[in-house]
Amino acid sequence: MKHLESKEQFQQLINNEKVIFMFSAEWCPDCRVIEPVLPELEAENPEWTFYYVDRDQFIDVCADYSIFGIPSFLAFDHAEEKARFVSKDRKSKEEIQAFIDEAK
């Protein structure tokens, strides 16, 4: 999974790509639980580019998009928000895949 490098990159990705952002943080135990399945989800959904967004580094992006719990996910397809899976609850591979399917 690629890592977001700047707020400007975030805007560029939203506007020009089919992208899924995973909002997370190093200290988040529920985020660590899903890490092993993320490569599988990426491989099973090659039409999407996945980006890790560090919640602590990009707190302004989180506020702009109402990301108040992690792990959370947003999907954009060329400037259109397609789906969101935003909560503070632990997420399963099946729940994340359902979110991706919804975004399609």
PDB file of N, CA and C in Angstrom:
ATOM      1  N   MET A   1       0.843  -1.175   0.000  1.00  0.00           N
ATOM      2  CA  MET A   1       0.000   0.000   0.000  1.00  0.00           C
ATOM      3  C   MET A   1       0.888   1.238   0.000  1.00  0.00           C
ATOM      4  N   LYS A   2       0.544   2.172  -0.854  1.00  0.00           N
ATOM      5  CA  LYS A   2       1.296   3.420  -0.922  1.00  0.00           C
ATOM      6  C   LYS A   2       0.912   4.305   0.255  1.00  0.00           C
ATOM      7  N   HIS A   3       1.806   5.213   0.608  1.00  0.00           N
ATOM      8  CA  HIS A   3       1.552   6.148   1.702  1.00  0.00           C
ATOM      9  C   HIS A   3       1.326   7.542   1.145  1.00  0.00           C
ATOM     10  N   LEU A   4       0.305   8.209   1.651  1.00  0.00           N
ATOM     11  CA  LEU A   4       0.039   9.580   1.255  1.00  0.00           C
ATOM     12  C   LEU A   4       1.174  10.464   1.743  1.00  0.00           C
ATOM     13  N   GLU A   5       1.627  11.364   0.862  1.00  0.00           N
ATOM     14  CA  GLU A   5       2.768  12.208   1.193  1.00  0.00           C
ATOM     15  C   GLU A   5       2.409  13.660   1.470  1.00  0.00           C
ATOM     16  N   SER A   6       1.267  14.141   0.927  1.00  0.00           N
ATOM     17  CA  SER A   6       0.901  15.539   1.144  1.00  0.00           C
ATOM     18  C   SER A   6      -0.593  15.733   0.915  1.00  0.00           C
ATOM     19  N   LYS A   7      -1.100  16.839   1.424  1.00  0.00           N
ATOM     20  CA  LYS A   7      -2.505  17.183   1.211  1.00  0.00           C
ATOM     21  C   LYS A   7      -2.747  17.456  -0.275  1.00  0.00           C
ATOM     22  N   GLU A   8      -1.757  18.039  -0.938  1.00  0.00           N
ATOM     23  CA  GLU A   8      -1.863  18.306  -2.369  1.00  0.00           C
ATOM     24  C   GLU A   8      -1.968  16.999  -3.151  1.00  0.00           C
ATOM     25  N   GLN A   9      -1.194  16.002  -2.763  1.00  0.00           N
ATOM     26  CA  GLN A   9      -1.275  14.698  -3.409  1.00  0.00           C
ATOM     27  C   GLN A   9      -2.664  14.095  -3.206  1.00  0.00           C
ATOM     28  N   PHE A  10      -3.207  14.246  -2.022  1.00  0.00           N
ATOM     29  CA  PHE A  10      -4.551  13.738  -1.735  1.00  0.00           C
ATOM     30  C   PHE A  10      -5.553  14.323  -2.728  1.00  0.00           C
ATOM     31  N   GLN A  11      -5.535  15.638  -2.905  1.00  0.00           N
ATOM     32  CA  GLN A  11      -6.462  16.291  -3.838  1.00  0.00           C
ATOM     33  C   GLN A  11      -6.234  15.827  -5.278  1.00  0.00           C
ATOM     34  N   GLN A  12      -4.991  15.693  -5.652  1.00  0.00           N
ATOM     35  CA  GLN A  12      -4.672  15.234  -7.007  1.00  0.00           C
ATOM     36  C   GLN A  12      -5.181  13.805  -7.229  1.00  0.00           C
ATOM     37  N   LEU A  13      -4.985  12.942  -6.266  1.00  0.00           N
ATOM     38  CA  LEU A  13      -5.454  11.560  -6.379  1.00  0.00           C
ATOM     39  C   LEU A  13      -6.970  11.500  -6.475  1.00  0.00           C
ATOM     40  N   ILE A  14      -7.647  12.269  -5.628  1.00  0.00           N
ATOM     41  CA  ILE A  14      -9.115  12.297  -5.657  1.00  0.00           C
ATOM     42  C   ILE A  14      -9.609  12.689  -7.045  1.00  0.00           C
ATOM     43  N   ASN A  15      -9.003  13.696  -7.601  1.00  0.00           N
ATOM     44  CA  ASN A  15      -9.485  14.245  -8.870  1.00  0.00           C
ATOM     45  C   ASN A  15      -9.140  13.396 -10.088  1.00  0.00           C
ATOM     46  N   ASN A  16      -8.085  12.602 -10.022  1.00  0.00           N
ATOM     47  CA  ASN A  16      -7.560  11.972 -11.229  1.00  0.00           C
ATOM     48  C   ASN A  16      -7.494  10.452 -11.226  1.00  0.00           C
ATOM     49  N   GLU A  17      -7.860   9.818 -10.131  1.00  0.00           N
ATOM     50  CA  GLU A  17      -7.684   8.368 -10.058  1.00  0.00           C
ATOM     51  C   GLU A  17      -8.879   7.687  -9.418  1.00  0.00           C
ATOM     52  N   LYS A  18      -8.830   6.377  -9.482  1.00  0.00           N
ATOM     53  CA  LYS A  18      -9.776   5.511  -8.787  1.00  0.00           C
ATOM     54  C   LYS A  18      -9.005   5.016  -7.568  1.00  0.00           C
ATOM     55  N   VAL A  19      -9.310   5.565  -6.409  1.00  0.00           N
ATOM     56  CA  VAL A  19      -8.443   5.396  -5.253  1.00  0.00           C
ATOM     57  C   VAL A  19      -9.248   5.108  -3.989  1.00  0.00           C
ATOM     58  N   ILE A  20      -8.652   4.269  -3.142  1.00  0.00           N
ATOM     59  CA  ILE A  20      -9.201   3.994  -1.819  1.00  0.00           C
ATOM     60  C   ILE A  20      -8.167   4.425  -0.785  1.00  0.00           C
ATOM     61  N   PHE A  21      -8.620   5.250   0.143  1.00  0.00           N
ATOM     62  CA  PHE A  21      -7.761   5.712   1.230  1.00  0.00           C
ATOM     63  C   PHE A  21      -8.114   4.959   2.496  1.00  0.00           C
ATOM     64  N   MET A  22      -7.090   4.431   3.162  1.00  0.00           N
ATOM     65  CA  MET A  22      -7.274   3.833   4.480  1.00  0.00           C
ATOM     66  C   MET A  22      -6.675   4.795   5.497  1.00  0.00           C
ATOM     67  N   PHE A  23      -7.513   5.304   6.380  1.00  0.00           N
ATOM     68  CA  PHE A  23      -7.074   6.203   7.440  1.00  0.00           C
ATOM     69  C   PHE A  23      -6.720   5.363   8.661  1.00  0.00           C
ATOM     70  N   SER A  24      -5.514   5.570   9.172  1.00  0.00           N
ATOM     71  CA  SER A  24      -4.995   4.710  10.223  1.00  0.00           C
ATOM     72  C   SER A  24      -3.995   5.498  11.065  1.00  0.00           C
ATOM     73  N   ALA A  25      -3.403   4.827  12.042  1.00  0.00           N
ATOM     74  CA  ALA A  25      -2.333   5.404  12.856  1.00  0.00           C
ATOM     75  C   ALA A  25      -1.515   4.260  13.445  1.00  0.00           C
ATOM     76  N   GLU A  26      -0.263   4.519  13.695  1.00  0.00           N
ATOM     77  CA  GLU A  26       0.635   3.495  14.232  1.00  0.00           C
ATOM     78  C   GLU A  26       0.160   2.966  15.582  1.00  0.00           C
ATOM     79  N   TRP A  27      -0.488   3.796  16.374  1.00  0.00           N
ATOM     80  CA  TRP A  27      -0.890   3.418  17.731  1.00  0.00           C
ATOM     81  C   TRP A  27      -2.242   2.715  17.789  1.00  0.00           C
ATOM     82  N   CYS A  28      -2.904   2.537  16.649  1.00  0.00           N
ATOM     83  CA  CYS A  28      -4.274   2.008  16.600  1.00  0.00           C
ATOM     84  C   CYS A  28      -4.276   0.476  16.575  1.00  0.00           C
ATOM     85  N   PRO A  29      -4.727  -0.192  17.647  1.00  0.00           N
ATOM     86  CA  PRO A  29      -4.699  -1.658  17.668  1.00  0.00           C
ATOM     87  C   PRO A  29      -5.645  -2.290  16.643  1.00  0.00           C
ATOM     88  N   ASP A  30      -6.818  -1.699  16.407  1.00  0.00           N
ATOM     89  CA  ASP A  30      -7.744  -2.256  15.422  1.00  0.00           C
ATOM     90  C   ASP A  30      -7.183  -2.140  14.001  1.00  0.00           C
ATOM     91  N   CYS A  31      -6.372  -1.130  13.775  1.00  0.00           N
ATOM     92  CA  CYS A  31      -5.717  -0.966  12.467  1.00  0.00           C
ATOM     93  C   CYS A  31      -4.685  -2.073  12.250  1.00  0.00           C
ATOM     94  N   ARG A  32      -3.967  -2.443  13.306  1.00  0.00           N
ATOM     95  CA  ARG A  32      -2.953  -3.503  13.190  1.00  0.00           C
ATOM     96  C   ARG A  32      -3.615  -4.853  12.888  1.00  0.00           C
ATOM     97  N   VAL A  33      -4.814  -5.066  13.415  1.00  0.00           N
ATOM     98  CA  VAL A  33      -5.514  -6.335  13.221  1.00  0.00           C
ATOM     99  C   VAL A  33      -5.810  -6.578  11.742  1.00  0.00           C
ATOM    100  N   ILE A  34      -6.174  -5.527  10.996  1.00  0.00           N
ATOM    101  CA  ILE A  34      -6.538  -5.721   9.589  1.00  0.00           C
ATOM    102  C   ILE A  34      -5.344  -5.670   8.637  1.00  0.00           C
ATOM    103  N   GLU A  35      -4.183  -5.242   9.111  1.00  0.00           N
ATOM    104  CA  GLU A  35      -3.016  -5.119   8.231  1.00  0.00           C
ATOM    105  C   GLU A  35      -2.695  -6.391   7.439  1.00  0.00           C
ATOM    106  N   PRO A  36      -2.773  -7.583   8.036  1.00  0.00           N
ATOM    107  CA  PRO A  36      -2.419  -8.786   7.269  1.00  0.00           C
ATOM    108  C   PRO A  36      -3.319  -9.055   6.060  1.00  0.00           C
ATOM    109  N   VAL A  37      -4.565  -8.569   6.072  1.00  0.00           N
ATOM    110  CA  VAL A  37      -5.479  -8.835   4.949  1.00  0.00           C
ATOM    111  C   VAL A  37      -5.427  -7.749   3.879  1.00  0.00           C
ATOM    112  N   LEU A  38      -4.797  -6.636   4.157  1.00  0.00           N
ATOM    113  CA  LEU A  38      -4.779  -5.540   3.189  1.00  0.00           C
ATOM    114  C   LEU A  38      -4.095  -5.908   1.874  1.00  0.00           C
ATOM    115  N   PRO A  39      -2.953  -6.606   1.880  1.00  0.00           N
ATOM    116  CA  PRO A  39      -2.364  -7.009   0.595  1.00  0.00           C
ATOM    117  C   PRO A  39      -3.294  -7.908  -0.225  1.00  0.00           C
ATOM    118  N   GLU A  40      -4.040  -8.772   0.447  1.00  0.00           N
ATOM    119  CA  GLU A  40      -5.008  -9.624  -0.252  1.00  0.00           C
ATOM    120  C   GLU A  40      -6.101  -8.782  -0.893  1.00  0.00           C
ATOM    121  N   LEU A  41      -6.617  -7.811  -0.159  1.00  0.00           N
ATOM    122  CA  LEU A  41      -7.666  -6.946  -0.691  1.00  0.00           C
ATOM    123  C   LEU A  41      -7.162  -6.142  -1.885  1.00  0.00           C
ATOM    124  N   GLU A  42      -5.931  -5.674  -1.797  1.00  0.00           N
ATOM    125  CA  GLU A  42      -5.345  -4.949  -2.933  1.00  0.00           C
ATOM    126  C   GLU A  42      -5.235  -5.863  -4.148  1.00  0.00           C
ATOM    127  N   ALA A  43      -4.769  -7.078  -3.949  1.00  0.00           N
ATOM    128  CA  ALA A  43      -4.601  -8.030  -5.061  1.00  0.00           C
ATOM    129  C   ALA A  43      -5.946  -8.419  -5.665  1.00  0.00           C
ATOM    130  N   GLU A  44      -6.972  -8.507  -4.849  1.00  0.00           N
ATOM    131  CA  GLU A  44      -8.300  -8.912  -5.320  1.00  0.00           C
ATOM    132  C   GLU A  44      -9.081  -7.760  -5.958  1.00  0.00           C
ATOM    133  N   ASN A  45      -8.570  -6.539  -5.832  1.00  0.00           N
ATOM    134  CA  ASN A  45      -9.256  -5.353  -6.359  1.00  0.00           C
ATOM    135  C   ASN A  45      -8.262  -4.465  -7.121  1.00  0.00           C
ATOM    136  N   PRO A  46      -7.683  -4.989  -8.205  1.00  0.00           N
ATOM    137  CA  PRO A  46      -6.612  -4.268  -8.899  1.00  0.00           C
ATOM    138  C   PRO A  46      -7.063  -2.990  -9.612  1.00  0.00           C
ATOM    139  N   GLU A  47      -8.358  -2.799  -9.759  1.00  0.00           N
ATOM    140  CA  GLU A  47      -8.839  -1.583 -10.416  1.00  0.00           C
ATOM    141  C   GLU A  47      -8.711  -0.345  -9.518  1.00  0.00           C
ATOM    142  N   TRP A  48      -8.430  -0.563  -8.243  1.00  0.00           N
ATOM    143  CA  TRP A  48      -8.261   0.517  -7.274  1.00  0.00           C
ATOM    144  C   TRP A  48      -6.797   0.668  -6.886  1.00  0.00           C
ATOM    145  N   THR A  49      -6.383   1.913  -6.622  1.00  0.00           N
ATOM    146  CA  THR A  49      -5.081   2.188  -6.019  1.00  0.00           C
ATOM    147  C   THR A  49      -5.340   2.497  -4.554  1.00  0.00           C
ATOM    148  N   PHE A  50      -4.607   1.825  -3.675  1.00  0.00           N
ATOM    149  CA  PHE A  50      -4.812   1.963  -2.234  1.00  0.00           C
ATOM    150  C   PHE A  50      -3.729   2.852  -1.627  1.00  0.00           C
ATOM    151  N   TYR A  51      -4.159   3.754  -0.748  1.00  0.00           N
ATOM    152  CA  TYR A  51      -3.235   4.649  -0.052  1.00  0.00           C
ATOM    153  C   TYR A  51      -3.507   4.613   1.448  1.00  0.00           C
ATOM    154  N   TYR A  52      -2.434   4.550   2.202  1.00  0.00           N
ATOM    155  CA  TYR A  52      -2.468   4.643   3.655  1.00  0.00           C
ATOM    156  C   TYR A  52      -2.370   6.126   4.012  1.00  0.00           C
ATOM    157  N   VAL A  53      -3.286   6.599   4.851  1.00  0.00           N
ATOM    158  CA  VAL A  53      -3.267   7.982   5.312  1.00  0.00           C
ATOM    159  C   VAL A  53      -3.065   7.969   6.826  1.00  0.00           C
ATOM    160  N   ASP A  54      -1.944   8.496   7.271  1.00  0.00           N
ATOM    161  CA  ASP A  54      -1.658   8.573   8.701  1.00  0.00           C
ATOM    162  C   ASP A  54      -2.529   9.662   9.328  1.00  0.00           C
ATOM    163  N   ARG A  55      -3.433   9.241  10.185  1.00  0.00           N
ATOM    164  CA  ARG A  55      -4.382  10.162  10.796  1.00  0.00           C
ATOM    165  C   ARG A  55      -3.690  11.286  11.550  1.00  0.00           C
ATOM    166  N   ASP A  56      -2.603  10.992  12.212  1.00  0.00           N
ATOM    167  CA  ASP A  56      -1.900  12.013  12.987  1.00  0.00           C
ATOM    168  C   ASP A  56      -1.182  13.011  12.081  1.00  0.00           C
ATOM    169  N   GLN A  57      -0.677  12.558  10.969  1.00  0.00           N
ATOM    170  CA  GLN A  57       0.036  13.429  10.035  1.00  0.00           C
ATOM    171  C   GLN A  57      -0.937  14.282   9.214  1.00  0.00           C
ATOM    172  N   PHE A  58      -2.116  13.745   8.934  1.00  0.00           N
ATOM    173  CA  PHE A  58      -3.088  14.440   8.080  1.00  0.00           C
ATOM    174  C   PHE A  58      -4.408  14.677   8.811  1.00  0.00           C
ATOM    175  N   ILE A  59      -4.311  15.221  10.014  1.00  0.00           N
ATOM    176  CA  ILE A  59      -5.498  15.466  10.826  1.00  0.00           C
ATOM    177  C   ILE A  59      -6.444  16.450  10.139  1.00  0.00           C
ATOM    178  N   ASP A  60      -5.898  17.389   9.351  1.00  0.00           N
ATOM    179  CA  ASP A  60      -6.743  18.341   8.637  1.00  0.00           C
ATOM    180  C   ASP A  60      -7.564  17.655   7.547  1.00  0.00           C
ATOM    181  N   VAL A  61      -6.982  16.682   6.857  1.00  0.00           N
ATOM    182  CA  VAL A  61      -7.719  15.905   5.857  1.00  0.00           C
ATOM    183  C   VAL A  61      -8.830  15.115   6.550  1.00  0.00           C
ATOM    184  N   CYS A  62      -8.504  14.526   7.685  1.00  0.00           N
ATOM    185  CA  CYS A  62      -9.516  13.778   8.443  1.00  0.00           C
ATOM    186  C   CYS A  62     -10.672  14.687   8.830  1.00  0.00           C
ATOM    187  N   ALA A  63     -10.373  15.872   9.299  1.00  0.00           N
ATOM    188  CA  ALA A  63     -11.432  16.816   9.677  1.00  0.00           C
ATOM    189  C   ALA A  63     -12.249  17.227   8.457  1.00  0.00           C
ATOM    190  N   ASP A  64     -11.586  17.494   7.339  1.00  0.00           N
ATOM    191  CA  ASP A  64     -12.278  17.913   6.115  1.00  0.00           C
ATOM    192  C   ASP A  64     -13.262  16.852   5.625  1.00  0.00           C
ATOM    193  N   TYR A  65     -12.946  15.582   5.850  1.00  0.00           N
ATOM    194  CA  TYR A  65     -13.766  14.482   5.337  1.00  0.00           C
ATOM    195  C   TYR A  65     -14.491  13.712   6.450  1.00  0.00           C
ATOM    196  N   SER A  66     -14.575  14.315   7.629  1.00  0.00           N
ATOM    197  CA  SER A  66     -15.314  13.745   8.766  1.00  0.00           C
ATOM    198  C   SER A  66     -14.865  12.331   9.115  1.00  0.00           C
ATOM    199  N   ILE A  67     -13.551  12.148   9.183  1.00  0.00           N
ATOM    200  CA  ILE A  67     -12.976  10.875   9.608  1.00  0.00           C
ATOM    201  C   ILE A  67     -12.679  11.006  11.099  1.00  0.00           C
ATOM    202  N   PHE A  68     -13.617  10.538  11.923  1.00  0.00           N
ATOM    203  CA  PHE A  68     -13.473  10.701  13.364  1.00  0.00           C
ATOM    204  C   PHE A  68     -13.142   9.401  14.075  1.00  0.00           C
ATOM    205  N   GLY A  69     -13.013   8.317  13.342  1.00  0.00           N
ATOM    206  CA  GLY A  69     -12.622   7.039  13.918  1.00  0.00           C
ATOM    207  C   GLY A  69     -11.729   6.310  12.938  1.00  0.00           C
ATOM    208  N   ILE A  70     -10.869   5.465  13.459  1.00  0.00           N
ATOM    209  CA  ILE A  70      -9.988   4.672  12.592  1.00  0.00           C
ATOM    210  C   ILE A  70      -9.995   3.225  13.077  1.00  0.00           C
ATOM    211  N   PRO A  71      -9.759   2.290  12.189  1.00  0.00           N
ATOM    212  CA  PRO A  71      -9.492   2.454  10.761  1.00  0.00           C
ATOM    213  C   PRO A  71     -10.760   2.847  10.007  1.00  0.00           C
ATOM    214  N   SER A  72     -10.596   3.701   9.013  1.00  0.00           N
ATOM    215  CA  SER A  72     -11.707   4.113   8.166  1.00  0.00           C
ATOM    216  C   SER A  72     -11.242   4.167   6.721  1.00  0.00           C
ATOM    217  N   PHE A  73     -12.213   4.095   5.816  1.00  0.00           N
ATOM    218  CA  PHE A  73     -11.912   4.019   4.382  1.00  0.00           C
ATOM    219  C   PHE A  73     -12.793   4.980   3.601  1.00  0.00           C
ATOM    220  N   LEU A  74     -12.201   5.614   2.575  1.00  0.00           N
ATOM    221  CA  LEU A  74     -12.926   6.429   1.608  1.00  0.00           C
ATOM    222  C   LEU A  74     -12.538   5.970   0.213  1.00  0.00           C
ATOM    223  N   ALA A  75     -13.508   5.925  -0.692  1.00  0.00           N
ATOM    224  CA  ALA A  75     -13.246   5.562  -2.083  1.00  0.00           C
ATOM    225  C   ALA A  75     -13.680   6.702  -2.990  1.00  0.00           C
ATOM    226  N   PHE A  76     -12.797   7.087  -3.916  1.00  0.00           N
ATOM    227  CA  PHE A  76     -13.086   8.126  -4.903  1.00  0.00           C
ATOM    228  C   PHE A  76     -12.775   7.593  -6.292  1.00  0.00           C
ATOM    229  N   ASP A  77     -13.613   8.005  -7.240  1.00  0.00           N
ATOM    230  CA  ASP A  77     -13.378   7.674  -8.639  1.00  0.00           C
ATOM    231  C   ASP A  77     -13.462   8.972  -9.428  1.00  0.00           C
ATOM    232  N   HIS A  78     -12.292   9.514  -9.771  1.00  0.00           N
ATOM    233  CA  HIS A  78     -12.194  10.751 -10.554  1.00  0.00           C
ATOM    234  C   HIS A  78     -13.124  11.841 -10.019  1.00  0.00           C
ATOM    235  N   ALA A  79     -12.852  12.251  -8.788  1.00  0.00           N
ATOM    236  CA  ALA A  79     -13.491  13.374  -8.093  1.00  0.00           C
ATOM    237  C   ALA A  79     -14.857  13.053  -7.495  1.00  0.00           C
ATOM    238  N   GLU A  80     -15.370  11.851  -7.702  1.00  0.00           N
ATOM    239  CA  GLU A  80     -16.658  11.483  -7.121  1.00  0.00           C
ATOM    240  C   GLU A  80     -16.437  10.517  -5.958  1.00  0.00           C
ATOM    241  N   GLU A  81     -16.947  10.908  -4.782  1.00  0.00           N
ATOM    242  CA  GLU A  81     -16.880   9.988  -3.658  1.00  0.00           C
ATOM    243  C   GLU A  81     -17.846   8.845  -3.931  1.00  0.00           C
ATOM    244  N   LYS A  82     -17.325   7.617  -3.966  1.00  0.00           N
ATOM    245  CA  LYS A  82     -18.127   6.447  -4.307  1.00  0.00           C
ATOM    246  C   LYS A  82     -18.646   5.709  -3.070  1.00  0.00           C
ATOM    247  N   ALA A  83     -17.873   5.725  -1.987  1.00  0.00           N
ATOM    248  CA  ALA A  83     -18.294   5.022  -0.774  1.00  0.00           C
ATOM    249  C   ALA A  83     -17.430   5.475   0.391  1.00  0.00           C
ATOM    250  N   ARG A  84     -17.970   5.268   1.592  1.00  0.00           N
ATOM    251  CA  ARG A  84     -17.201   5.533   2.809  1.00  0.00           C
ATOM    252  C   ARG A  84     -17.532   4.470   3.836  1.00  0.00           C
ATOM    253  N   PHE A  85     -16.512   4.093   4.584  1.00  0.00           N
ATOM    254  CA  PHE A  85     -16.647   3.119   5.661  1.00  0.00           C
ATOM    255  C   PHE A  85     -15.918   3.740   6.839  1.00  0.00           C
ATOM    256  N   VAL A  86     -16.645   4.591   7.554  1.00  0.00           N
ATOM    257  CA  VAL A  86     -16.040   5.428   8.579  1.00  0.00           C
ATOM    258  C   VAL A  86     -16.667   5.117   9.928  1.00  0.00           C
ATOM    259  N   SER A  87     -15.845   4.600  10.816  1.00  0.00           N
ATOM    260  CA  SER A  87     -16.250   4.363  12.199  1.00  0.00           C
ATOM    261  C   SER A  87     -15.002   4.025  12.997  1.00  0.00           C
ATOM    262  N   LYS A  88     -15.165   3.938  14.303  1.00  0.00           N
ATOM    263  CA  LYS A  88     -14.035   3.577  15.156  1.00  0.00           C
ATOM    264  C   LYS A  88     -13.981   2.080  15.424  1.00  0.00           C
ATOM    265  N   ASP A  89     -14.914   1.336  14.838  1.00  0.00           N
ATOM    266  CA  ASP A  89     -15.012  -0.095  15.109  1.00  0.00           C
ATOM    267  C   ASP A  89     -13.977  -0.905  14.340  1.00  0.00           C
ATOM    268  N   ARG A  90     -13.615  -2.047  14.912  1.00  0.00           N
ATOM    269  CA  ARG A  90     -12.744  -2.996  14.226  1.00  0.00           C
ATOM    270  C   ARG A  90     -13.468  -3.493  12.982  1.00  0.00           C
ATOM    271  N   LYS A  91     -12.730  -3.712  11.904  1.00  0.00           N
ATOM    272  CA  LYS A  91     -13.327  -4.133  10.639  1.00  0.00           C
ATOM    273  C   LYS A  91     -12.748  -5.466  10.192  1.00  0.00           C
ATOM    274  N   SER A  92     -13.578  -6.284   9.577  1.00  0.00           N
ATOM    275  CA  SER A  92     -13.123  -7.573   9.063  1.00  0.00           C
ATOM    276  C   SER A  92     -12.802  -7.442   7.571  1.00  0.00           C
ATOM    277  N   LYS A  93     -12.102  -8.435   7.046  1.00  0.00           N
ATOM    278  CA  LYS A  93     -11.817  -8.457   5.611  1.00  0.00           C
ATOM    279  C   LYS A  93     -13.121  -8.432   4.826  1.00  0.00           C
ATOM    280  N   GLU A  94     -14.113  -9.180   5.266  1.00  0.00           N
ATOM    281  CA  GLU A  94     -15.394  -9.249   4.576  1.00  0.00           C
ATOM    282  C   GLU A  94     -16.106  -7.891   4.570  1.00  0.00           C
ATOM    283  N   GLU A  95     -16.039  -7.179   5.679  1.00  0.00           N
ATOM    284  CA  GLU A  95     -16.663  -5.855   5.732  1.00  0.00           C
ATOM    285  C   GLU A  95     -15.960  -4.870   4.809  1.00  0.00           C
ATOM    286  N   ILE A  96     -14.633  -4.937   4.774  1.00  0.00           N
ATOM    287  CA  ILE A  96     -13.883  -4.042   3.887  1.00  0.00           C
ATOM    288  C   ILE A  96     -14.170  -4.376   2.434  1.00  0.00           C
ATOM    289  N   GLN A  97     -14.253  -5.667   2.103  1.00  0.00           N
ATOM    290  CA  GLN A  97     -14.572  -6.052   0.729  1.00  0.00           C
ATOM    291  C   GLN A  97     -15.981  -5.596   0.362  1.00  0.00           C
ATOM    292  N   ALA A  98     -16.919  -5.660   1.276  1.00  0.00           N
ATOM    293  CA  ALA A  98     -18.285  -5.182   1.014  1.00  0.00           C
ATOM    294  C   ALA A  98     -18.270  -3.684   0.712  1.00  0.00           C
ATOM    295  N   PHE A  99     -17.448  -2.932   1.444  1.00  0.00           N
ATOM    296  CA  PHE A  99     -17.282  -1.496   1.174  1.00  0.00           C
ATOM    297  C   PHE A  99     -16.727  -1.284  -0.231  1.00  0.00           C
ATOM    298  N   ILE A 100     -15.708  -2.065  -0.611  1.00  0.00           N
ATOM    299  CA  ILE A 100     -15.120  -1.935  -1.948  1.00  0.00           C
ATOM    300  C   ILE A 100     -16.153  -2.288  -3.023  1.00  0.00           C
ATOM    301  N   ASP A 101     -16.915  -3.334  -2.786  1.00  0.00           N
ATOM    302  CA  ASP A 101     -17.966  -3.718  -3.732  1.00  0.00           C
ATOM    303  C   ASP A 101     -19.004  -2.600  -3.878  1.00  0.00           C
ATOM    304  N   GLU A 102     -19.337  -1.953  -2.792  1.00  0.00           N
ATOM    305  CA  GLU A 102     -20.276  -0.831  -2.826  1.00  0.00           C
ATOM    306  C   GLU A 102     -19.714   0.319  -3.671  1.00  0.00           C
ATOM    307  N   ALA A 103     -18.410   0.534  -3.571  1.00  0.00           N
ATOM    308  CA  ALA A 103     -17.769   1.616  -4.316  1.00  0.00           C
ATOM    309  C   ALA A 103     -17.787   1.383  -5.819  1.00  0.00           C
ATOM    310  N   LYS A 104     -17.858   0.114  -6.225  1.00  0.00           N
ATOM    311  CA  LYS A 104     -17.871  -0.220  -7.653  1.00  0.00           C
ATOM    312  C   LYS A 104     -19.179   0.242  -8.244  1.00  0.00           C
TER     313      LYS A 104
END
